[in-house]
């Protein structure tokens, strides 16, 4: 049981870290935030980490679907 919990913690940590390091996210997550990225972060397009940071800085203005992506990632 202890090893199962440890494996789950490691998997969850890796998932969170990969998103925080500028990974693109799932196709559904990308789709949820595409319009917001084009609207608020056009100069950063092509740099996933910069787009993610830009979206976080504009979080109050994001569509509800994109806000849900960040909330689901604990950001």
PDB file of N, CA and C in Angstrom:
ATOM      1  N   UNK A   1       0.833  -1.203   0.000  1.00  0.00           N
ATOM      2  CA  UNK A   1       0.000   0.000   0.000  1.00  0.00           C
ATOM      3  C   UNK A   1       0.871   1.258   0.000  1.00  0.00           C
ATOM      4  N   UNK A   2       1.904   1.208   0.797  1.00  0.00           N
ATOM      5  CA  UNK A   2       2.805   2.358   0.894  1.00  0.00           C
ATOM      6  C   UNK A   2       3.473   2.651  -0.450  1.00  0.00           C
ATOM      7  N   UNK A   3       3.859   1.601  -1.172  1.00  0.00           N
ATOM      8  CA  UNK A   3       4.520   1.801  -2.462  1.00  0.00           C
ATOM      9  C   UNK A   3       3.543   2.352  -3.508  1.00  0.00           C
ATOM     10  N   UNK A   4       2.276   1.979  -3.426  1.00  0.00           N
ATOM     11  CA  UNK A   4       1.278   2.508  -4.351  1.00  0.00           C
ATOM     12  C   UNK A   4       1.107   4.008  -4.138  1.00  0.00           C
ATOM     13  N   UNK A   5       1.054   4.422  -2.892  1.00  0.00           N
ATOM     14  CA  UNK A   5       0.924   5.851  -2.585  1.00  0.00           C
ATOM     15  C   UNK A   5       2.142   6.605  -3.087  1.00  0.00           C
ATOM     16  N   UNK A   6       3.322   6.037  -2.897  1.00  0.00           N
ATOM     17  CA  UNK A   6       4.555   6.673  -3.348  1.00  0.00           C
ATOM     18  C   UNK A   6       4.550   6.832  -4.876  1.00  0.00           C
ATOM     19  N   UNK A   7       4.130   5.808  -5.588  1.00  0.00           N
ATOM     20  CA  UNK A   7       4.074   5.874  -7.046  1.00  0.00           C
ATOM     21  C   UNK A   7       3.087   6.958  -7.490  1.00  0.00           C
ATOM     22  N   UNK A   8       1.930   7.039  -6.853  1.00  0.00           N
ATOM     23  CA  UNK A   8       0.949   8.064  -7.198  1.00  0.00           C
ATOM     24  C   UNK A   8       1.502   9.461  -6.955  1.00  0.00           C
ATOM     25  N   UNK A   9       2.185   9.654  -5.851  1.00  0.00           N
ATOM     26  CA  UNK A   9       2.775  10.965  -5.542  1.00  0.00           C
ATOM     27  C   UNK A   9       3.806  11.334  -6.609  1.00  0.00           C
ATOM     28  N   UNK A  10       4.628  10.382  -6.998  1.00  0.00           N
ATOM     29  CA  UNK A  10       5.647  10.651  -8.021  1.00  0.00           C
ATOM     30  C   UNK A  10       4.990  11.000  -9.360  1.00  0.00           C
ATOM     31  N   UNK A  11       3.976  10.242  -9.756  1.00  0.00           N
ATOM     32  CA  UNK A  11       3.293  10.521 -11.020  1.00  0.00           C
ATOM     33  C   UNK A  11       2.628  11.885 -11.019  1.00  0.00           C
ATOM     34  N   UNK A  12       1.967  12.229  -9.926  1.00  0.00           N
ATOM     35  CA  UNK A  12       1.307  13.534  -9.838  1.00  0.00           C
ATOM     36  C   UNK A  12       2.322  14.664  -9.851  1.00  0.00           C
ATOM     37  N   UNK A  13       3.431  14.472  -9.173  1.00  0.00           N
ATOM     38  CA  UNK A  13       4.477  15.500  -9.144  1.00  0.00           C
ATOM     39  C   UNK A  13       5.061  15.709 -10.535  1.00  0.00           C
ATOM     40  N   UNK A  14       5.331  14.616 -11.242  1.00  0.00           N
ATOM     41  CA  UNK A  14       5.888  14.734 -12.589  1.00  0.00           C
ATOM     42  C   UNK A  14       4.919  15.430 -13.532  1.00  0.00           C
ATOM     43  N   UNK A  15       3.638  15.141 -13.405  1.00  0.00           N
ATOM     44  CA  UNK A  15       2.636  15.786 -14.248  1.00  0.00           C
ATOM     45  C   UNK A  15       2.603  17.277 -13.994  1.00  0.00           C
ATOM     46  N   UNK A  16       2.604  17.679 -12.728  1.00  0.00           N
ATOM     47  CA  UNK A  16       2.574  19.096 -12.380  1.00  0.00           C
ATOM     48  C   UNK A  16       3.842  19.795 -12.840  1.00  0.00           C
ATOM     49  N   UNK A  17       4.981  19.150 -12.658  1.00  0.00           N
ATOM     50  CA  UNK A  17       6.240  19.772 -13.059  1.00  0.00           C
ATOM     51  C   UNK A  17       6.332  19.926 -14.565  1.00  0.00           C
ATOM     52  N   UNK A  18       5.862  18.938 -15.312  1.00  0.00           N
ATOM     53  CA  UNK A  18       5.962  19.050 -16.763  1.00  0.00           C
ATOM     54  C   UNK A  18       5.112  20.208 -17.279  1.00  0.00           C
ATOM     55  N   UNK A  19       3.940  20.428 -16.710  1.00  0.00           N
ATOM     56  CA  UNK A  19       3.117  21.554 -17.131  1.00  0.00           C
ATOM     57  C   UNK A  19       3.776  22.866 -16.712  1.00  0.00           C
ATOM     58  N   UNK A  20       4.315  22.906 -15.497  1.00  0.00           N
ATOM     59  CA  UNK A  20       4.953  24.124 -14.999  1.00  0.00           C
ATOM     60  C   UNK A  20       6.201  24.478 -15.795  1.00  0.00           C
ATOM     61  N   UNK A  21       6.839  23.489 -16.416  1.00  0.00           N
ATOM     62  CA  UNK A  21       8.048  23.746 -17.183  1.00  0.00           C
ATOM     63  C   UNK A  21       7.748  24.109 -18.624  1.00  0.00           C
ATOM     64  N   UNK A  22       6.496  24.412 -18.912  1.00  0.00           N
ATOM     65  CA  UNK A  22       6.172  24.904 -20.238  1.00  0.00           C
ATOM     66  C   UNK A  22       5.715  23.848 -21.216  1.00  0.00           C
ATOM     67  N   UNK A  23       5.328  22.671 -20.743  1.00  0.00           N
ATOM     68  CA  UNK A  23       4.791  21.663 -21.642  1.00  0.00           C
ATOM     69  C   UNK A  23       3.480  22.172 -22.212  1.00  0.00           C
ATOM     70  N   UNK A  24       3.142  21.693 -23.351  1.00  0.00           N
ATOM     71  CA  UNK A  24       1.973  22.192 -24.065  1.00  0.00           C
ATOM     72  C   UNK A  24       0.647  21.784 -23.440  1.00  0.00           C
ATOM     73  N   UNK A  25       0.613  20.722 -22.683  1.00  0.00           N
ATOM     74  CA  UNK A  25      -0.658  20.247 -22.146  1.00  0.00           C
ATOM     75  C   UNK A  25      -1.341  19.341 -23.152  1.00  0.00           C
ATOM     76  N   UNK A  26      -2.482  18.820 -22.775  1.00  0.00           N
ATOM     77  CA  UNK A  26      -3.217  17.923 -23.659  1.00  0.00           C
ATOM     78  C   UNK A  26      -3.830  18.710 -24.812  1.00  0.00           C
ATOM     79  N   UNK A  27      -4.221  18.028 -25.868  1.00  0.00           N
ATOM     80  CA  UNK A  27      -4.892  18.738 -26.970  1.00  0.00           C
ATOM     81  C   UNK A  27      -6.152  19.473 -26.496  1.00  0.00           C
ATOM     82  N   UNK A  28      -6.880  18.883 -25.551  1.00  0.00           N
ATOM     83  CA  UNK A  28      -8.080  19.532 -25.026  1.00  0.00           C
ATOM     84  C   UNK A  28      -7.726  20.805 -24.256  1.00  0.00           C
ATOM     85  N   UNK A  29      -6.644  20.750 -23.486  1.00  0.00           N
ATOM     86  CA  UNK A  29      -6.205  21.934 -22.741  1.00  0.00           C
ATOM     87  C   UNK A  29      -5.747  23.027 -23.697  1.00  0.00           C
ATOM     88  N   UNK A  30      -5.023  22.629 -24.729  1.00  0.00           N
ATOM     89  CA  UNK A  30      -4.580  23.606 -25.720  1.00  0.00           C
ATOM     90  C   UNK A  30      -5.770  24.270 -26.391  1.00  0.00           C
ATOM     91  N   UNK A  31      -6.757  23.457 -26.751  1.00  0.00           N
ATOM     92  CA  UNK A  31      -7.940  23.999 -27.409  1.00  0.00           C
ATOM     93  C   UNK A  31      -8.684  24.963 -26.490  1.00  0.00           C
ATOM     94  N   UNK A  32      -8.747  24.639 -25.203  1.00  0.00           N
ATOM     95  CA  UNK A  32      -9.460  25.488 -24.245  1.00  0.00           C
ATOM     96  C   UNK A  32      -8.816  26.868 -24.115  1.00  0.00           C
ATOM     97  N   UNK A  33      -7.512  26.947 -24.365  1.00  0.00           N
ATOM     98  CA  UNK A  33      -6.804  28.218 -24.152  1.00  0.00           C
ATOM     99  C   UNK A  33      -6.305  28.877 -25.439  1.00  0.00           C
ATOM    100  N   UNK A  34      -6.556  28.281 -26.588  1.00  0.00           N
ATOM    101  CA  UNK A  34      -6.030  28.816 -27.845  1.00  0.00           C
ATOM    102  C   UNK A  34      -6.483  30.251 -28.116  1.00  0.00           C
ATOM    103  N   UNK A  35      -7.769  30.513 -28.007  1.00  0.00           N
ATOM    104  CA  UNK A  35      -8.253  31.879 -28.286  1.00  0.00           C
ATOM    105  C   UNK A  35      -7.669  32.890 -27.307  1.00  0.00           C
ATOM    106  N   UNK A  36      -7.584  32.493 -26.039  1.00  0.00           N
ATOM    107  CA  UNK A  36      -7.013  33.397 -25.039  1.00  0.00           C
ATOM    108  C   UNK A  36      -5.544  33.681 -25.338  1.00  0.00           C
ATOM    109  N   UNK A  37      -4.807  32.645 -25.744  1.00  0.00           N
ATOM    110  CA  UNK A  37      -3.392  32.833 -26.084  1.00  0.00           C
ATOM    111  C   UNK A  37      -3.255  33.776 -27.274  1.00  0.00           C
ATOM    112  N   UNK A  38      -4.106  33.601 -28.281  1.00  0.00           N
ATOM    113  CA  UNK A  38      -4.051  34.476 -29.450  1.00  0.00           C
ATOM    114  C   UNK A  38      -4.445  35.904 -29.094  1.00  0.00           C
ATOM    115  N   UNK A  39      -5.361  36.045 -28.181  1.00  0.00           N
ATOM    116  CA  UNK A  39      -5.857  37.376 -27.814  1.00  0.00           C
ATOM    117  C   UNK A  39      -4.889  38.135 -26.911  1.00  0.00           C
ATOM    118  N   UNK A  40      -4.383  37.459 -25.884  1.00  0.00           N
ATOM    119  CA  UNK A  40      -3.585  38.155 -24.867  1.00  0.00           C
ATOM    120  C   UNK A  40      -2.079  37.961 -25.016  1.00  0.00           C
ATOM    121  N   UNK A  41      -1.668  36.927 -25.726  1.00  0.00           N
ATOM    122  CA  UNK A  41      -0.252  36.557 -25.715  1.00  0.00           C
ATOM    123  C   UNK A  41       0.334  36.404 -27.114  1.00  0.00           C
ATOM    124  N   UNK A  42      -0.192  37.114 -28.060  1.00  0.00           N
ATOM    125  CA  UNK A  42       0.261  36.984 -29.447  1.00  0.00           C
ATOM    126  C   UNK A  42       1.785  37.119 -29.596  1.00  0.00           C
ATOM    127  N   UNK A  43       2.438  38.076 -28.937  1.00  0.00           N
ATOM    128  CA  UNK A  43       3.899  38.192 -29.105  1.00  0.00           C
ATOM    129  C   UNK A  43       4.684  36.982 -28.593  1.00  0.00           C
ATOM    130  N   UNK A  44       4.085  36.222 -27.674  1.00  0.00           N
ATOM    131  CA  UNK A  44       4.790  35.082 -27.091  1.00  0.00           C
ATOM    132  C   UNK A  44       4.506  33.765 -27.820  1.00  0.00           C
ATOM    133  N   UNK A  45       3.583  33.764 -28.780  1.00  0.00           N
ATOM    134  CA  UNK A  45       3.240  32.515 -29.473  1.00  0.00           C
ATOM    135  C   UNK A  45       4.496  31.887 -30.061  1.00  0.00           C
ATOM    136  N   UNK A  46       4.620  30.587 -29.880  1.00  0.00           N
ATOM    137  CA  UNK A  46       5.813  29.866 -30.314  1.00  0.00           C
ATOM    138  C   UNK A  46       6.732  29.524 -29.159  1.00  0.00           C
ATOM    139  N   UNK A  47       6.562  30.198 -28.036  1.00  0.00           N
ATOM    140  CA  UNK A  47       7.332  29.924 -26.823  1.00  0.00           C
ATOM    141  C   UNK A  47       6.342  29.477 -25.751  1.00  0.00           C
ATOM    142  N   UNK A  48       6.181  28.167 -25.606  1.00  0.00           N
ATOM    143  CA  UNK A  48       5.142  27.627 -24.728  1.00  0.00           C
ATOM    144  C   UNK A  48       5.237  28.130 -23.293  1.00  0.00           C
ATOM    145  N   UNK A  49       6.452  28.214 -22.774  1.00  0.00           N
ATOM    146  CA  UNK A  49       6.634  28.702 -21.406  1.00  0.00           C
ATOM    147  C   UNK A  49       6.199  30.147 -21.255  1.00  0.00           C
ATOM    148  N   UNK A  50       6.536  30.975 -22.242  1.00  0.00           N
ATOM    149  CA  UNK A  50       6.158  32.390 -22.197  1.00  0.00           C
ATOM    150  C   UNK A  50       4.650  32.561 -22.344  1.00  0.00           C
ATOM    151  N   UNK A  51       4.028  31.729 -23.181  1.00  0.00           N
ATOM    152  CA  UNK A  51       2.575  31.801 -23.342  1.00  0.00           C
ATOM    153  C   UNK A  51       1.895  31.414 -22.039  1.00  0.00           C
ATOM    154  N   UNK A  52       2.373  30.348 -21.402  1.00  0.00           N
ATOM    155  CA  UNK A  52       1.795  29.924 -20.130  1.00  0.00           C
ATOM    156  C   UNK A  52       1.910  31.040 -19.087  1.00  0.00           C
ATOM    157  N   UNK A  53       3.068  31.662 -19.010  1.00  0.00           N
ATOM    158  CA  UNK A  53       3.271  32.754 -18.060  1.00  0.00           C
ATOM    159  C   UNK A  53       2.346  33.931 -18.388  1.00  0.00           C
ATOM    160  N   UNK A  54       2.213  34.257 -19.649  1.00  0.00           N
ATOM    161  CA  UNK A  54       1.339  35.335 -20.082  1.00  0.00           C
ATOM    162  C   UNK A  54      -0.109  35.042 -19.705  1.00  0.00           C
ATOM    163  N   UNK A  55      -0.541  33.807 -19.944  1.00  0.00           N
ATOM    164  CA  UNK A  55      -1.916  33.431 -19.597  1.00  0.00           C
ATOM    165  C   UNK A  55      -2.141  33.549 -18.093  1.00  0.00           C
ATOM    166  N   UNK A  56      -1.156  33.147 -17.320  1.00  0.00           N
ATOM    167  CA  UNK A  56      -1.280  33.262 -15.863  1.00  0.00           C
ATOM    168  C   UNK A  56      -1.382  34.737 -15.453  1.00  0.00           C
ATOM    169  N   UNK A  57      -0.633  35.602 -16.108  1.00  0.00           N
ATOM    170  CA  UNK A  57      -0.676  37.021 -15.784  1.00  0.00           C
ATOM    171  C   UNK A  57      -2.014  37.642 -16.165  1.00  0.00           C
ATOM    172  N   UNK A  58      -2.693  37.052 -17.131  1.00  0.00           N
ATOM    173  CA  UNK A  58      -3.990  37.552 -17.583  1.00  0.00           C
ATOM    174  C   UNK A  58      -5.145  36.673 -17.113  1.00  0.00           C
ATOM    175  N   UNK A  59      -4.918  35.925 -16.075  1.00  0.00           N
ATOM    176  CA  UNK A  59      -5.873  34.912 -15.637  1.00  0.00           C
ATOM    177  C   UNK A  59      -7.284  35.464 -15.404  1.00  0.00           C
ATOM    178  N   UNK A  60      -7.398  36.638 -14.868  1.00  0.00           N
ATOM    179  CA  UNK A  60      -8.717  37.220 -14.582  1.00  0.00           C
ATOM    180  C   UNK A  60      -9.504  37.496 -15.862  1.00  0.00           C
ATOM    181  N   UNK A  61      -8.812  37.619 -16.987  1.00  0.00           N
ATOM    182  CA  UNK A  61      -9.463  37.933 -18.263  1.00  0.00           C
ATOM    183  C   UNK A  61      -9.735  36.692 -19.115  1.00  0.00           C
ATOM    184  N   UNK A  62      -9.253  35.524 -18.685  1.00  0.00           N
ATOM    185  CA  UNK A  62      -9.345  34.321 -19.491  1.00  0.00           C
ATOM    186  C   UNK A  62     -10.767  33.781 -19.550  1.00  0.00           C
ATOM    187  N   UNK A  63     -11.039  33.046 -20.617  1.00  0.00           N
ATOM    188  CA  UNK A  63     -12.329  32.361 -20.743  1.00  0.00           C
ATOM    189  C   UNK A  63     -12.462  31.345 -19.616  1.00  0.00           C
ATOM    190  N   UNK A  64     -13.689  30.977 -19.317  1.00  0.00           N
ATOM    191  CA  UNK A  64     -13.901  30.032 -18.216  1.00  0.00           C
ATOM    192  C   UNK A  64     -13.259  28.676 -18.512  1.00  0.00           C
ATOM    193  N   UNK A  65     -13.254  28.261 -19.778  1.00  0.00           N
ATOM    194  CA  UNK A  65     -12.641  26.969 -20.102  1.00  0.00           C
ATOM    195  C   UNK A  65     -11.132  26.984 -19.866  1.00  0.00           C
ATOM    196  N   UNK A  66     -10.478  28.080 -20.190  1.00  0.00           N
ATOM    197  CA  UNK A  66      -9.038  28.179 -19.968  1.00  0.00           C
ATOM    198  C   UNK A  66      -8.742  28.319 -18.470  1.00  0.00           C
ATOM    199  N   UNK A  67      -9.562  29.062 -17.757  1.00  0.00           N
ATOM    200  CA  UNK A  67      -9.381  29.168 -16.305  1.00  0.00           C
ATOM    201  C   UNK A  67      -9.486  27.797 -15.650  1.00  0.00           C
ATOM    202  N   UNK A  68     -10.363  26.952 -16.158  1.00  0.00           N
ATOM    203  CA  UNK A  68     -10.533  25.609 -15.607  1.00  0.00           C
ATOM    204  C   UNK A  68      -9.272  24.773 -15.813  1.00  0.00           C
ATOM    205  N   UNK A  69      -8.588  24.976 -16.935  1.00  0.00           N
ATOM    206  CA  UNK A  69      -7.336  24.260 -17.175  1.00  0.00           C
ATOM    207  C   UNK A  69      -6.321  24.600 -16.102  1.00  0.00           C
ATOM    208  N   UNK A  70      -6.149  25.875 -15.825  1.00  0.00           N
ATOM    209  CA  UNK A  70      -5.191  26.283 -14.800  1.00  0.00           C
ATOM    210  C   UNK A  70      -5.621  25.813 -13.422  1.00  0.00           C
ATOM    211  N   UNK A  71      -6.891  25.872 -13.130  1.00  0.00           N
ATOM    212  CA  UNK A  71      -7.395  25.418 -11.827  1.00  0.00           C
ATOM    213  C   UNK A  71      -7.172  23.914 -11.671  1.00  0.00           C
ATOM    214  N   UNK A  72      -7.376  23.152 -12.741  1.00  0.00           N
ATOM    215  CA  UNK A  72      -7.198  21.697 -12.661  1.00  0.00           C
ATOM    216  C   UNK A  72      -5.747  21.323 -12.452  1.00  0.00           C
ATOM    217  N   UNK A  73      -4.849  22.192 -12.836  1.00  0.00           N
ATOM    218  CA  UNK A  73      -3.412  21.969 -12.655  1.00  0.00           C
ATOM    219  C   UNK A  73      -2.893  22.561 -11.341  1.00  0.00           C
ATOM    220  N   UNK A  74      -3.782  23.148 -10.571  1.00  0.00           N
ATOM    221  CA  UNK A  74      -3.368  23.723  -9.298  1.00  0.00           C
ATOM    222  C   UNK A  74      -2.558  24.988  -9.455  1.00  0.00           C
ATOM    223  N   UNK A  75      -2.843  25.725 -10.516  1.00  0.00           N
ATOM    224  CA  UNK A  75      -2.077  26.952 -10.774  1.00  0.00           C
ATOM    225  C   UNK A  75      -2.969  28.153 -10.603  1.00  0.00           C
TER     226      UNK A  75
END
